[in-house]
PDB file of N, CA and C in Angstrom:
ATOM      1  N   MET A   1     107.553  -2.757 111.979  1.00  0.00           N
ATOM      2  CA  MET A   1     107.636  -3.630 113.123  1.00  0.00           C
ATOM      3  C   MET A   1     108.722  -3.105 114.059  1.00  0.00           C
ATOM      4  N   GLY A   2     108.911  -3.815 115.095  1.00  0.00           N
ATOM      5  CA  GLY A   2     109.855  -3.357 116.102  1.00  0.00           C
ATOM      6  C   GLY A   2     109.112  -2.830 117.302  1.00  0.00           C
ATOM      7  N   ARG A   3     109.838  -2.217 118.202  1.00  0.00           N
ATOM      8  CA  ARG A   3     109.252  -1.662 119.426  1.00  0.00           C
ATOM      9  C   ARG A   3     108.418  -2.700 120.186  1.00  0.00           C
ATOM     10  N   GLY A   4     108.833  -3.966 120.103  1.00  0.00           N
ATOM     11  CA  GLY A   4     108.157  -5.022 120.849  1.00  0.00           C
ATOM     12  C   GLY A   4     107.059  -5.722 120.088  1.00  0.00           C
ATOM     13  N   TYR A   5     106.881  -5.422 118.800  1.00  0.00           N
ATOM     14  CA  TYR A   5     105.827  -6.046 118.005  1.00  0.00           C
ATOM     15  C   TYR A   5     106.436  -6.796 116.826  1.00  0.00           C
ATOM     16  N   VAL A   6     105.850  -7.955 116.506  1.00  0.00           N
ATOM     17  CA  VAL A   6     106.294  -8.747 115.353  1.00  0.00           C
ATOM     18  C   VAL A   6     105.071  -9.128 114.528  1.00  0.00           C
ATOM     19  N   GLU A   7     105.284  -9.315 113.225  1.00  0.00           N
ATOM     20  CA  GLU A   7     104.184  -9.739 112.356  1.00  0.00           C
ATOM     21  C   GLU A   7     103.716 -11.132 112.766  1.00  0.00           C
ATOM     22  N   LYS A   8     102.405 -11.361 112.677  1.00  0.00           N
ATOM     23  CA  LYS A   8     101.887 -12.703 112.927  1.00  0.00           C
ATOM     24  C   LYS A   8     102.440 -13.667 111.882  1.00  0.00           C
ATOM     25  N   PHE A   9     102.411 -13.203 110.641  1.00  0.00           N
ATOM     26  CA  PHE A   9     103.005 -13.938 109.521  1.00  0.00           C
ATOM     27  C   PHE A   9     103.241 -12.928 108.415  1.00  0.00           C
ATOM     28  N   ALA A  10     104.060 -13.268 107.461  1.00  0.00           N
ATOM     29  CA  ALA A  10     104.415 -12.331 106.388  1.00  0.00           C
ATOM     30  C   ALA A  10     103.170 -11.829 105.671  1.00  0.00           C
ATOM     31  N   GLY A  11     103.020 -10.519 105.567  1.00  0.00           N
ATOM     32  CA  GLY A  11     101.891  -9.915 104.874  1.00  0.00           C
ATOM     33  C   GLY A  11     100.643  -9.740 105.726  1.00  0.00           C
ATOM     34  N   SER A  12     100.680 -10.164 106.967  1.00  0.00           N
ATOM     35  CA  SER A  12      99.525 -10.068 107.851  1.00  0.00           C
ATOM     36  C   SER A  12      99.267  -8.628 108.262  1.00  0.00           C
ATOM     37  N   ARG A  13      97.992  -8.288 108.484  1.00  0.00           N
ATOM     38  CA  ARG A  13      97.650  -6.987 109.063  1.00  0.00           C
ATOM     39  C   ARG A  13      97.688  -7.058 110.578  1.00  0.00           C
ATOM     40  N   GLY A  14      97.900  -8.264 111.088  1.00  0.00           N
ATOM     41  CA  GLY A  14      97.971  -8.442 112.525  1.00  0.00           C
ATOM     42  C   GLY A  14      99.401  -8.523 113.007  1.00  0.00           C
ATOM     43  N   VAL A  15      99.570  -8.219 114.261  1.00  0.00           N
ATOM     44  CA  VAL A  15     100.874  -8.318 114.906  1.00  0.00           C
ATOM     45  C   VAL A  15     100.669  -9.040 116.228  1.00  0.00           C
ATOM     46  N   ARG A  16     101.768  -9.332 116.861  1.00  0.00           N
ATOM     47  CA  ARG A  16     101.673  -9.815 118.230  1.00  0.00           C
ATOM     48  C   ARG A  16     102.735  -9.113 119.049  1.00  0.00           C
ATOM     49  N   GLU A  17     102.395  -8.874 120.283  1.00  0.00           N
ATOM     50  CA  GLU A  17     103.313  -8.240 121.213  1.00  0.00           C
ATOM     51  C   GLU A  17     104.295  -9.328 121.618  1.00  0.00           C
ATOM     52  N   ALA A  18     105.571  -9.107 121.340  1.00  0.00           N
ATOM     53  CA  ALA A  18     106.581 -10.158 121.452  1.00  0.00           C
ATOM     54  C   ALA A  18     106.770 -10.692 122.871  1.00  0.00           C
ATOM     55  N   GLU A  19     106.743  -9.823 123.859  1.00  0.00           N
ATOM     56  CA  GLU A  19     107.034 -10.269 125.223  1.00  0.00           C
ATOM     57  C   GLU A  19     105.928 -11.140 125.807  1.00  0.00           C
ATOM     58  N   SER A  20     104.676 -10.722 125.645  1.00  0.00           N
ATOM     59  CA  SER A  20     103.563 -11.473 126.242  1.00  0.00           C
ATOM     60  C   SER A  20     102.838 -12.365 125.237  1.00  0.00           C
ATOM     61  N   ASP A  21     103.201 -12.269 123.953  1.00  0.00           N
ATOM     62  CA  ASP A  21     102.622 -13.077 122.876  1.00  0.00           C
ATOM     63  C   ASP A  21     101.128 -12.789 122.672  1.00  0.00           C
ATOM     64  N   VAL A  22     100.695 -11.568 122.983  1.00  0.00           N
ATOM     65  CA  VAL A  22      99.303 -11.164 122.799  1.00  0.00           C
ATOM     66  C   VAL A  22      99.080 -10.750 121.344  1.00  0.00           C
ATOM     67  N   PRO A  23      98.096 -11.387 120.665  1.00  0.00           N
ATOM     68  CA  PRO A  23      97.830 -11.009 119.269  1.00  0.00           C
ATOM     69  C   PRO A  23      97.037  -9.711 119.183  1.00  0.00           C
ATOM     70  N   ILE A  24      97.321  -8.926 118.157  1.00  0.00           N
ATOM     71  CA  ILE A  24      96.613  -7.669 117.913  1.00  0.00           C
ATOM     72  C   ILE A  24      96.228  -7.649 116.439  1.00  0.00           C
ATOM     73  N   ASP A  25      94.933  -7.507 116.168  1.00  0.00           N
ATOM     74  CA  ASP A  25      94.451  -7.425 114.791  1.00  0.00           C
ATOM     75  C   ASP A  25      93.979  -6.010 114.517  1.00  0.00           C
ATOM     76  N   PHE A  26      94.269  -5.520 113.325  1.00  0.00           N
ATOM     77  CA  PHE A  26      93.845  -4.199 112.912  1.00  0.00           C
ATOM     78  C   PHE A  26      92.679  -4.335 111.950  1.00  0.00           C
ATOM     79  N   LEU A  27      91.584  -3.667 112.255  1.00  0.00           N
ATOM     80  CA  LEU A  27      90.411  -3.655 111.390  1.00  0.00           C
ATOM     81  C   LEU A  27      90.355  -2.282 110.736  1.00  0.00           C
ATOM     82  N   ILE A  28      90.317  -2.251 109.433  1.00  0.00           N
ATOM     83  CA  ILE A  28      90.400  -1.003 108.692  1.00  0.00           C
ATOM     84  C   ILE A  28      88.997  -0.487 108.372  1.00  0.00           C
ATOM     85  N   ALA A  29      88.713   0.749 108.767  1.00  0.00           N
ATOM     86  CA  ALA A  29      87.407   1.357 108.502  1.00  0.00           C
ATOM     87  C   ALA A  29      87.095   1.280 107.013  1.00  0.00           C
ATOM     88  N   GLY A  30      85.871   0.887 106.704  1.00  0.00           N
ATOM     89  CA  GLY A  30      85.437   0.773 105.316  1.00  0.00           C
ATOM     90  C   GLY A  30      85.674  -0.605 104.721  1.00  0.00           C
ATOM     91  N   ASN A  31      86.559  -1.407 105.325  1.00  0.00           N
ATOM     92  CA  ASN A  31      86.762  -2.772 104.844  1.00  0.00           C
ATOM     93  C   ASN A  31      85.593  -3.643 105.274  1.00  0.00           C
ATOM     94  N   TYR A  32      85.550  -4.847 104.732  1.00  0.00           N
ATOM     95  CA  TYR A  32      84.424  -5.743 104.952  1.00  0.00           C
ATOM     96  C   TYR A  32      84.835  -6.952 105.782  1.00  0.00           C
ATOM     97  N   PRO A  33      83.964  -7.385 106.696  1.00  0.00           N
ATOM     98  CA  PRO A  33      84.268  -8.561 107.519  1.00  0.00           C
ATOM     99  C   PRO A  33      84.169  -9.851 106.706  1.00  0.00           C
ATOM    100  N   GLY A  34      84.679 -10.912 107.277  1.00  0.00           N
ATOM    101  CA  GLY A  34      84.585 -12.225 106.638  1.00  0.00           C
ATOM    102  C   GLY A  34      85.567 -12.382 105.506  1.00  0.00           C
ATOM    103  N   ASP A  35      85.044 -12.591 104.308  1.00  0.00           N
ATOM    104  CA  ASP A  35      85.902 -12.833 103.147  1.00  0.00           C
ATOM    105  C   ASP A  35      86.536 -11.567 102.588  1.00  0.00           C
ATOM    106  N   GLY A  36      86.174 -10.400 103.119  1.00  0.00           N
ATOM    107  CA  GLY A  36      86.738  -9.136 102.657  1.00  0.00           C
ATOM    108  C   GLY A  36      86.063  -8.566 101.428  1.00  0.00           C
ATOM    109  N   GLY A  37      85.140  -9.329 100.845  1.00  0.00           N
ATOM    110  CA  GLY A  37      84.432  -8.862  99.658  1.00  0.00           C
ATOM    111  C   GLY A  37      83.356  -7.849 100.001  1.00  0.00           C
ATOM    112  N   PRO A  38      83.000  -6.996  99.030  1.00  0.00           N
ATOM    113  CA  PRO A  38      81.972  -5.971  99.266  1.00  0.00           C
ATOM    114  C   PRO A  38      80.647  -6.574  99.729  1.00  0.00           C
ATOM    115  N   LYS A  39      80.054  -5.922 100.701  1.00  0.00           N
ATOM    116  CA  LYS A  39      78.758  -6.327 101.251  1.00  0.00           C
ATOM    117  C   LYS A  39      78.169  -5.125 101.981  1.00  0.00           C
ATOM    118  N   PRO A  40      76.892  -5.164 102.316  1.00  0.00           N
ATOM    119  CA  PRO A  40      76.268  -4.010 102.974  1.00  0.00           C
ATOM    120  C   PRO A  40      76.867  -3.652 104.341  1.00  0.00           C
ATOM    121  N   VAL A  41      77.431  -4.629 105.033  1.00  0.00           N
ATOM    122  CA  VAL A  41      77.988  -4.402 106.367  1.00  0.00           C
ATOM    123  C   VAL A  41      79.501  -4.220 106.245  1.00  0.00           C
ATOM    124  N   HIS A  42      80.034  -3.139 106.846  1.00  0.00           N
ATOM    125  CA  HIS A  42      81.470  -2.879 106.799  1.00  0.00           C
ATOM    126  C   HIS A  42      81.925  -2.293 108.129  1.00  0.00           C
ATOM    127  N   PHE A  43      83.243  -2.299 108.331  1.00  0.00           N
ATOM    128  CA  PHE A  43      83.790  -1.754 109.568  1.00  0.00           C
ATOM    129  C   PHE A  43      83.584  -0.240 109.578  1.00  0.00           C
ATOM    130  N   PRO A  44      83.009   0.297 110.670  1.00  0.00           N
ATOM    131  CA  PRO A  44      82.698   1.729 110.728  1.00  0.00           C
ATOM    132  C   PRO A  44      83.928   2.606 110.951  1.00  0.00           C
ATOM    133  N   GLU A  45      83.771   3.873 110.615  1.00  0.00           N
ATOM    134  CA  GLU A  45      84.784   4.881 110.940  1.00  0.00           C
ATOM    135  C   GLU A  45      84.802   5.040 112.465  1.00  0.00           C
ATOM    136  N   PRO A  46      85.977   5.033 113.080  1.00  0.00           N
ATOM    137  CA  PRO A  46      86.028   5.168 114.542  1.00  0.00           C
ATOM    138  C   PRO A  46      85.298   6.403 115.067  1.00  0.00           C
ATOM    139  N   SER A  47      85.333   7.499 114.325  1.00  0.00           N
ATOM    140  CA  SER A  47      84.666   8.717 114.789  1.00  0.00           C
ATOM    141  C   SER A  47      83.152   8.570 114.837  1.00  0.00           C
ATOM    142  N   SER A  48      82.616   7.574 114.133  1.00  0.00           N
ATOM    143  CA  SER A  48      81.162   7.372 114.133  1.00  0.00           C
ATOM    144  C   SER A  48      80.711   6.418 115.228  1.00  0.00           C
ATOM    145  N   VAL A  49      81.652   5.817 115.937  1.00  0.00           N
ATOM    146  CA  VAL A  49      81.311   4.874 117.003  1.00  0.00           C
ATOM    147  C   VAL A  49      80.903   5.685 118.225  1.00  0.00           C
ATOM    148  N   PRO A  50      79.655   5.517 118.665  1.00  0.00           N
ATOM    149  CA  PRO A  50      79.086   6.446 119.641  1.00  0.00           C
ATOM    150  C   PRO A  50      79.412   6.241 121.112  1.00  0.00           C
ATOM    151  N   PHE A  51      79.828   5.053 121.520  1.00  0.00           N
ATOM    152  CA  PHE A  51      79.968   4.804 122.952  1.00  0.00           C
ATOM    153  C   PHE A  51      81.403   4.903 123.422  1.00  0.00           C
ATOM    154  N   GLY A  52      81.594   5.417 124.621  1.00  0.00           N
ATOM    155  CA  GLY A  52      82.903   5.430 125.247  1.00  0.00           C
ATOM    156  C   GLY A  52      83.535   6.802 125.241  1.00  0.00           C
ATOM    157  N   ASP A  53      84.559   6.916 126.039  1.00  0.00           N
ATOM    158  CA  ASP A  53      85.310   8.164 126.143  1.00  0.00           C
ATOM    159  C   ASP A  53      86.609   8.023 125.369  1.00  0.00           C
ATOM    160  N   GLU A  54      87.076   9.137 124.819  1.00  0.00           N
ATOM    161  CA  GLU A  54      88.352   9.132 124.099  1.00  0.00           C
ATOM    162  C   GLU A  54      89.438   8.641 125.034  1.00  0.00           C
ATOM    163  N   PRO A  55      90.420   7.918 124.605  1.00  0.00           N
ATOM    164  CA  PRO A  55      90.615   7.480 123.229  1.00  0.00           C
ATOM    165  C   PRO A  55      89.913   6.153 122.922  1.00  0.00           C
ATOM    166  N   TYR A  56      89.101   5.638 123.850  1.00  0.00           N
ATOM    167  CA  TYR A  56      88.461   4.335 123.657  1.00  0.00           C
ATOM    168  C   TYR A  56      87.011   4.511 123.239  1.00  0.00           C
ATOM    169  N   ARG A  57      86.639   3.792 122.214  1.00  0.00           N
ATOM    170  CA  ARG A  57      85.256   3.801 121.765  1.00  0.00           C
ATOM    171  C   ARG A  57      84.821   2.345 121.623  1.00  0.00           C
ATOM    172  N   VAL A  58      83.567   2.091 121.902  1.00  0.00           N
ATOM    173  CA  VAL A  58      83.035   0.731 121.880  1.00  0.00           C
ATOM    174  C   VAL A  58      81.886   0.671 120.886  1.00  0.00           C
ATOM    175  N   LEU A  59      81.868  -0.369 120.068  1.00  0.00           N
ATOM    176  CA  LEU A  59      80.776  -0.537 119.110  1.00  0.00           C
ATOM    177  C   LEU A  59      79.452  -0.747 119.812  1.00  0.00           C
ATOM    178  N   GLU A  60      78.379  -0.243 119.208  1.00  0.00           N
ATOM    179  CA  GLU A  60      77.044  -0.573 119.684  1.00  0.00           C
ATOM    180  C   GLU A  60      76.846  -2.068 119.472  1.00  0.00           C
ATOM    181  N   LEU A  61      76.046  -2.675 120.320  1.00  0.00           N
ATOM    182  CA  LEU A  61      75.785  -4.110 120.225  1.00  0.00           C
ATOM    183  C   LEU A  61      75.238  -4.471 118.845  1.00  0.00           C
ATOM    184  N   GLU A  62      74.359  -3.658 118.312  1.00  0.00           N
ATOM    185  CA  GLU A  62      73.779  -3.903 116.984  1.00  0.00           C
ATOM    186  C   GLU A  62      74.875  -3.993 115.915  1.00  0.00           C
ATOM    187  N   THR A  63      75.813  -3.063 115.940  1.00  0.00           N
ATOM    188  CA  THR A  63      76.898  -3.054 114.950  1.00  0.00           C
ATOM    189  C   THR A  63      77.804  -4.261 115.123  1.00  0.00           C
ATOM    190  N   LEU A  64      78.150  -4.580 116.359  1.00  0.00           N
ATOM    191  CA  LEU A  64      78.995  -5.744 116.622  1.00  0.00           C
ATOM    192  C   LEU A  64      78.337  -7.012 116.090  1.00  0.00           C
ATOM    193  N   ILE A  65      77.059  -7.184 116.355  1.00  0.00           N
ATOM    194  CA  ILE A  65      76.354  -8.380 115.897  1.00  0.00           C
ATOM    195  C   ILE A  65      76.284  -8.412 114.374  1.00  0.00           C
ATOM    196  N   GLU A  66      76.021  -7.277 113.743  1.00  0.00           N
ATOM    197  CA  GLU A  66      76.014  -7.244 112.266  1.00  0.00           C
ATOM    198  C   GLU A  66      77.364  -7.670 111.699  1.00  0.00           C
ATOM    199  N   LEU A  67      78.451  -7.163 112.270  1.00  0.00           N
ATOM    200  CA  LEU A  67      79.787  -7.519 111.798  1.00  0.00           C
ATOM    201  C   LEU A  67      80.064  -9.004 111.986  1.00  0.00           C
ATOM    202  N   LYS A  68      79.702  -9.541 113.134  1.00  0.00           N
ATOM    203  CA  LYS A  68      79.898 -10.970 113.402  1.00  0.00           C
ATOM    204  C   LYS A  68      79.094 -11.824 112.426  1.00  0.00           C
ATOM    205  N   LEU A  69      77.850 -11.446 112.181  1.00  0.00           N
ATOM    206  CA  LEU A  69      77.011 -12.215 111.261  1.00  0.00           C
ATOM    207  C   LEU A  69      77.544 -12.151 109.834  1.00  0.00           C
ATOM    208  N   ALA A  70      77.927 -10.959 109.383  1.00  0.00           N
ATOM    209  CA  ALA A  70      78.457 -10.810 108.023  1.00  0.00           C
ATOM    210  C   ALA A  70      79.738 -11.616 107.855  1.00  0.00           C
ATOM    211  N   SER A  71      80.554 -11.647 108.877  1.00  0.00           N
ATOM    212  CA  SER A  71      81.793 -12.419 108.827  1.00  0.00           C
ATOM    213  C   SER A  71      81.486 -13.912 108.717  1.00  0.00           C
ATOM    214  N   GLY A  72      80.629 -14.395 109.582  1.00  0.00           N
ATOM    215  CA  GLY A  72      80.285 -15.820 109.571  1.00  0.00           C
ATOM    216  C   GLY A  72      79.597 -16.262 108.296  1.00  0.00           C
ATOM    217  N   LEU A  73      78.789 -15.383 107.708  1.00  0.00           N
ATOM    218  CA  LEU A  73      78.061 -15.735 106.486  1.00  0.00           C
ATOM    219  C   LEU A  73      78.967 -15.833 105.264  1.00  0.00           C
ATOM    220  N   THR A  74      80.076 -15.106 105.265  1.00  0.00           N
ATOM    221  CA  THR A  74      80.913 -15.071 104.059  1.00  0.00           C
ATOM    222  C   THR A  74      82.264 -15.746 104.220  1.00  0.00           C
ATOM    223  N   ALA A  75      82.597 -16.167 105.416  1.00  0.00           N
ATOM    224  CA  ALA A  75      83.858 -16.878 105.643  1.00  0.00           C
ATOM    225  C   ALA A  75      83.538 -18.177 106.384  1.00  0.00           C
ATOM    226  N   PRO A  76      83.438 -19.288 105.666  1.00  0.00           N
ATOM    227  CA  PRO A  76      83.007 -20.543 106.279  1.00  0.00           C
ATOM    228  C   PRO A  76      83.900 -21.030 107.421  1.00  0.00           C
ATOM    229  N   ASP A  77      85.119 -20.521 107.502  1.00  0.00           N
ATOM    230  CA  ASP A  77      86.008 -20.925 108.589  1.00  0.00           C
ATOM    231  C   ASP A  77      85.817 -20.062 109.832  1.00  0.00           C
ATOM    232  N   ARG A  78      84.828 -19.144 109.816  1.00  0.00           N
ATOM    233  CA  ARG A  78      84.609 -18.227 110.929  1.00  0.00           C
ATOM    234  C   ARG A  78      83.347 -18.578 111.724  1.00  0.00           C
ATOM    235  N   LEU A  79      83.141 -19.867 111.993  1.00  0.00           N
ATOM    236  CA  LEU A  79      81.959 -20.285 112.755  1.00  0.00           C
ATOM    237  C   LEU A  79      81.946 -19.714 114.169  1.00  0.00           C
ATOM    238  N   ILE A  80      83.107 -19.343 114.674  1.00  0.00           N
ATOM    239  CA  ILE A  80      83.186 -18.738 116.004  1.00  0.00           C
ATOM    240  C   ILE A  80      82.348 -17.465 116.073  1.00  0.00           C
ATOM    241  N   ASP A  81      82.209 -16.765 114.942  1.00  0.00           N
ATOM    242  CA  ASP A  81      81.401 -15.551 114.938  1.00  0.00           C
ATOM    243  C   ASP A  81      79.939 -15.867 115.238  1.00  0.00           C
ATOM    244  N   PHE A  82      79.433 -16.980 114.721  1.00  0.00           N
ATOM    245  CA  PHE A  82      78.056 -17.382 115.020  1.00  0.00           C
ATOM    246  C   PHE A  82      77.921 -17.765 116.497  1.00  0.00           C
ATOM    247  N   ALA A  83      78.915 -18.471 117.017  1.00  0.00           N
ATOM    248  CA  ALA A  83      78.900 -18.821 118.444  1.00  0.00           C
ATOM    249  C   ALA A  83      78.933 -17.560 119.306  1.00  0.00           C
ATOM    250  N   ASP A  84      79.697 -16.560 118.869  1.00  0.00           N
ATOM    251  CA  ASP A  84      79.748 -15.288 119.601  1.00  0.00           C
ATOM    252  C   ASP A  84      78.377 -14.618 119.616  1.00  0.00           C
ATOM    253  N   VAL A  85      77.665 -14.660 118.492  1.00  0.00           N
ATOM    254  CA  VAL A  85      76.331 -14.045 118.422  1.00  0.00           C
ATOM    255  C   VAL A  85      75.378 -14.766 119.373  1.00  0.00           C
ATOM    256  N   ILE A  86      75.419 -16.081 119.397  1.00  0.00           N
ATOM    257  CA  ILE A  86      74.565 -16.822 120.327  1.00  0.00           C
ATOM    258  C   ILE A  86      74.897 -16.426 121.763  1.00  0.00           C
ATOM    259  N   ALA A  87      76.171 -16.312 122.089  1.00  0.00           N
ATOM    260  CA  ALA A  87      76.567 -15.904 123.442  1.00  0.00           C
ATOM    261  C   ALA A  87      76.086 -14.486 123.751  1.00  0.00           C
ATOM    262  N   LEU A  88      76.162 -13.580 122.767  1.00  0.00           N
ATOM    263  CA  LEU A  88      75.686 -12.209 122.972  1.00  0.00           C
ATOM    264  C   LEU A  88      74.171 -12.164 123.169  1.00  0.00           C
ATOM    265  N   ILE A  89      73.440 -12.982 122.428  1.00  0.00           N
ATOM    266  CA  ILE A  89      71.984 -13.065 122.581  1.00  0.00           C
ATOM    267  C   ILE A  89      71.642 -13.492 123.998  1.00  0.00           C
ATOM    268  N   ARG A  90      72.314 -14.527 124.462  1.00  0.00           N
ATOM    269  CA  ARG A  90      72.038 -15.043 125.810  1.00  0.00           C
ATOM    270  C   ARG A  90      72.457 -14.053 126.896  1.00  0.00           C
ATOM    271  N   ALA A  91      73.666 -13.529 126.789  1.00  0.00           N
ATOM    272  CA  ALA A  91      74.191 -12.638 127.835  1.00  0.00           C
ATOM    273  C   ALA A  91      73.381 -11.354 127.961  1.00  0.00           C
ATOM    274  N   ASN A  92      72.840 -10.876 126.834  1.00  0.00           N
ATOM    275  CA  ASN A  92      72.078  -9.621 126.849  1.00  0.00           C
ATOM    276  C   ASN A  92      70.578  -9.845 126.851  1.00  0.00           C
ATOM    277  N   GLU A  93      70.166 -11.120 126.929  1.00  0.00           N
ATOM    278  CA  GLU A  93      68.749 -11.487 126.941  1.00  0.00           C
ATOM    279  C   GLU A  93      67.991 -10.782 125.820  1.00  0.00           C
ATOM    280  N   LEU A  94      68.552 -10.855 124.609  1.00  0.00           N
ATOM    281  CA  LEU A  94      67.939 -10.186 123.460  1.00  0.00           C
ATOM    282  C   LEU A  94      66.665 -10.902 123.043  1.00  0.00           C
ATOM    283  N   THR A  95      65.708 -10.124 122.579  1.00  0.00           N
ATOM    284  CA  THR A  95      64.465 -10.695 122.071  1.00  0.00           C
ATOM    285  C   THR A  95      64.548 -10.796 120.551  1.00  0.00           C
ATOM    286  N   GLU A  96      63.588 -11.480 119.981  1.00  0.00           N
ATOM    287  CA  GLU A  96      63.524 -11.604 118.516  1.00  0.00           C
ATOM    288  C   GLU A  96      63.467 -10.240 117.848  1.00  0.00           C
ATOM    289  N   LYS A  97      62.865  -9.264 118.513  1.00  0.00           N
ATOM    290  CA  LYS A  97      62.714  -7.923 117.944  1.00  0.00           C
ATOM    291  C   LYS A  97      64.044  -7.225 117.714  1.00  0.00           C
ATOM    292  N   PHE A  98      65.115  -7.711 118.346  1.00  0.00           N
ATOM    293  CA  PHE A  98      66.437  -7.120 118.128  1.00  0.00           C
ATOM    294  C   PHE A  98      66.822  -7.219 116.652  1.00  0.00           C
ATOM    295  N   ALA A  99      66.249  -8.179 115.939  1.00  0.00           N
ATOM    296  CA  ALA A  99      66.555  -8.372 114.511  1.00  0.00           C
ATOM    297  C   ALA A  99      66.039  -7.224 113.651  1.00  0.00           C
ATOM    298  N   ASN A 100      64.984  -6.542 114.070  1.00  0.00           N
ATOM    299  CA  ASN A 100      64.327  -5.537 113.226  1.00  0.00           C
ATOM    300  C   ASN A 100      65.254  -4.468 112.650  1.00  0.00           C
ATOM    301  N   PRO A 101      66.117  -3.822 113.441  1.00  0.00           N
ATOM    302  CA  PRO A 101      66.973  -2.774 112.864  1.00  0.00           C
ATOM    303  C   PRO A 101      68.234  -3.309 112.172  1.00  0.00           C
ATOM    304  N   LEU A 102      68.491  -4.615 112.266  1.00  0.00           N
ATOM    305  CA  LEU A 102      69.694  -5.158 111.642  1.00  0.00           C
ATOM    306  C   LEU A 102      69.599  -5.066 110.129  1.00  0.00           C
ATOM    307  N   ASP A 103      70.760  -4.963 109.479  1.00  0.00           N
ATOM    308  CA  ASP A 103      70.802  -4.933 108.024  1.00  0.00           C
ATOM    309  C   ASP A 103      70.124  -6.188 107.476  1.00  0.00           C
ATOM    310  N   GLY A 104      69.375  -6.020 106.411  1.00  0.00           N
ATOM    311  CA  GLY A 104      68.643  -7.130 105.811  1.00  0.00           C
ATOM    312  C   GLY A 104      69.521  -8.295 105.396  1.00  0.00           C
ATOM    313  N   SER A 105      70.780  -8.033 105.107  1.00  0.00           N
ATOM    314  CA  SER A 105      71.679  -9.100 104.667  1.00  0.00           C
ATOM    315  C   SER A 105      72.043 -10.070 105.792  1.00  0.00           C
ATOM    316  N   VAL A 106      71.815  -9.679 107.044  1.00  0.00           N
ATOM    317  CA  VAL A 106      72.168 -10.538 108.179  1.00  0.00           C
ATOM    318  C   VAL A 106      70.974 -10.880 109.069  1.00  0.00           C
ATOM    319  N   ARG A 107      69.850 -10.253 108.819  1.00  0.00           N
ATOM    320  CA  ARG A 107      68.693 -10.403 109.704  1.00  0.00           C
ATOM    321  C   ARG A 107      68.217 -11.852 109.828  1.00  0.00           C
ATOM    322  N   ARG A 108      68.123 -12.539 108.711  1.00  0.00           N
ATOM    323  CA  ARG A 108      67.614 -13.923 108.740  1.00  0.00           C
ATOM    324  C   ARG A 108      68.533 -14.826 109.575  1.00  0.00           C
ATOM    325  N   LYS A 109      69.846 -14.638 109.436  1.00  0.00           N
ATOM    326  CA  LYS A 109      70.786 -15.455 110.219  1.00  0.00           C
ATOM    327  C   LYS A 109      70.650 -15.136 111.700  1.00  0.00           C
ATOM    328  N   PHE A 110      70.440 -13.857 112.054  1.00  0.00           N
ATOM    329  CA  PHE A 110      70.224 -13.515 113.459  1.00  0.00           C
ATOM    330  C   PHE A 110      69.011 -14.265 113.993  1.00  0.00           C
ATOM    331  N   GLU A 111      67.919 -14.263 113.236  1.00  0.00           N
ATOM    332  CA  GLU A 111      66.701 -14.942 113.676  1.00  0.00           C
ATOM    333  C   GLU A 111      66.949 -16.437 113.887  1.00  0.00           C
ATOM    334  N   GLU A 112      67.723 -17.034 112.997  1.00  0.00           N
ATOM    335  CA  GLU A 112      68.067 -18.458 113.124  1.00  0.00           C
ATOM    336  C   GLU A 112      68.897 -18.700 114.390  1.00  0.00           C
ATOM    337  N   LEU A 113      69.893 -17.857 114.617  1.00  0.00           N
ATOM    338  CA  LEU A 113      70.739 -18.016 115.790  1.00  0.00           C
ATOM    339  C   LEU A 113      69.989 -17.665 117.070  1.00  0.00           C
ATOM    340  N   TRP A 114      69.059 -16.705 116.993  1.00  0.00           N
ATOM    341  CA  TRP A 114      68.243 -16.377 118.162  1.00  0.00           C
ATOM    342  C   TRP A 114      67.455 -17.615 118.583  1.00  0.00           C
ATOM    343  N   GLN A 115      66.879 -18.302 117.600  1.00  0.00           N
ATOM    344  CA  GLN A 115      66.114 -19.518 117.889  1.00  0.00           C
ATOM    345  C   GLN A 115      67.020 -20.562 118.539  1.00  0.00           C
ATOM    346  N   ALA A 116      68.226 -20.745 118.017  1.00  0.00           N
ATOM    347  CA  ALA A 116      69.166 -21.699 118.586  1.00  0.00           C
ATOM    348  C   ALA A 116      69.548 -21.319 120.021  1.00  0.00           C
ATOM    349  N   ALA A 117      69.623 -20.032 120.293  1.00  0.00           N
ATOM    350  CA  ALA A 117      70.019 -19.553 121.619  1.00  0.00           C
ATOM    351  C   ALA A 117      68.958 -19.838 122.673  1.00  0.00           C
ATOM    352  N   GLN A 118      67.747 -20.136 122.241  1.00  0.00           N
ATOM    353  CA  GLN A 118      66.671 -20.424 123.196  1.00  0.00           C
ATOM    354  C   GLN A 118      66.780 -21.832 123.771  1.00  0.00           C
ATOM    355  N   THR A 119      67.588 -22.662 123.153  1.00  0.00           N
ATOM    356  CA  THR A 119      67.823 -24.020 123.656  1.00  0.00           C
ATOM    357  C   THR A 119      68.906 -23.960 124.719  1.00  0.00           C
ATOM    358  N   LYS A 120      68.600 -24.410 125.888  1.00  0.00           N
ATOM    359  CA  LYS A 120      69.577 -24.369 126.984  1.00  0.00           C
ATOM    360  C   LYS A 120      70.335 -25.692 127.028  1.00  0.00           C
ATOM    361  N   ASP A 121      71.629 -25.566 127.305  1.00  0.00           N
ATOM    362  CA  ASP A 121      72.448 -26.772 127.471  1.00  0.00           C
ATOM    363  C   ASP A 121      71.921 -27.569 128.651  1.00  0.00           C
ATOM    364  N   GLU A 122      71.873 -28.875 128.475  1.00  0.00           N
ATOM    365  CA  GLU A 122      71.367 -29.717 129.559  1.00  0.00           C
ATOM    366  C   GLU A 122      72.443 -30.675 130.057  1.00  0.00           C
ATOM    367  N   TYR A 123      73.685 -30.277 130.007  1.00  0.00           N
ATOM    368  CA  TYR A 123      74.699 -31.169 130.536  1.00  0.00           C
ATOM    369  C   TYR A 123      75.108 -30.743 131.898  1.00  0.00           C
TER     370      TYR A 123
END
């Protein structure tokens, strides 16, 4: 720590920038989203992330959605991940067919959330 960064809490992998209070979380390649337990979906090696110019790389939408779904499915306190998937479905106007290449462990949940995303707020 130091150099303007402090631990979020003792033992955390996250830090926050002390001056602006911006949180920063570190995701370790090969680790698993959600509860951290082994599952088919894991955080990719940065060198395998195809989009963007060095030093910044951006996950493909498919990978991001798989990670969000795996997190929400295994960590019951991470419902925000499901809300994020619904927002991504709407913002990118994804069709049901987007589920086809997704890992089988998350495909059914995507289909369920895709259906929910078709309901428009009426307030």
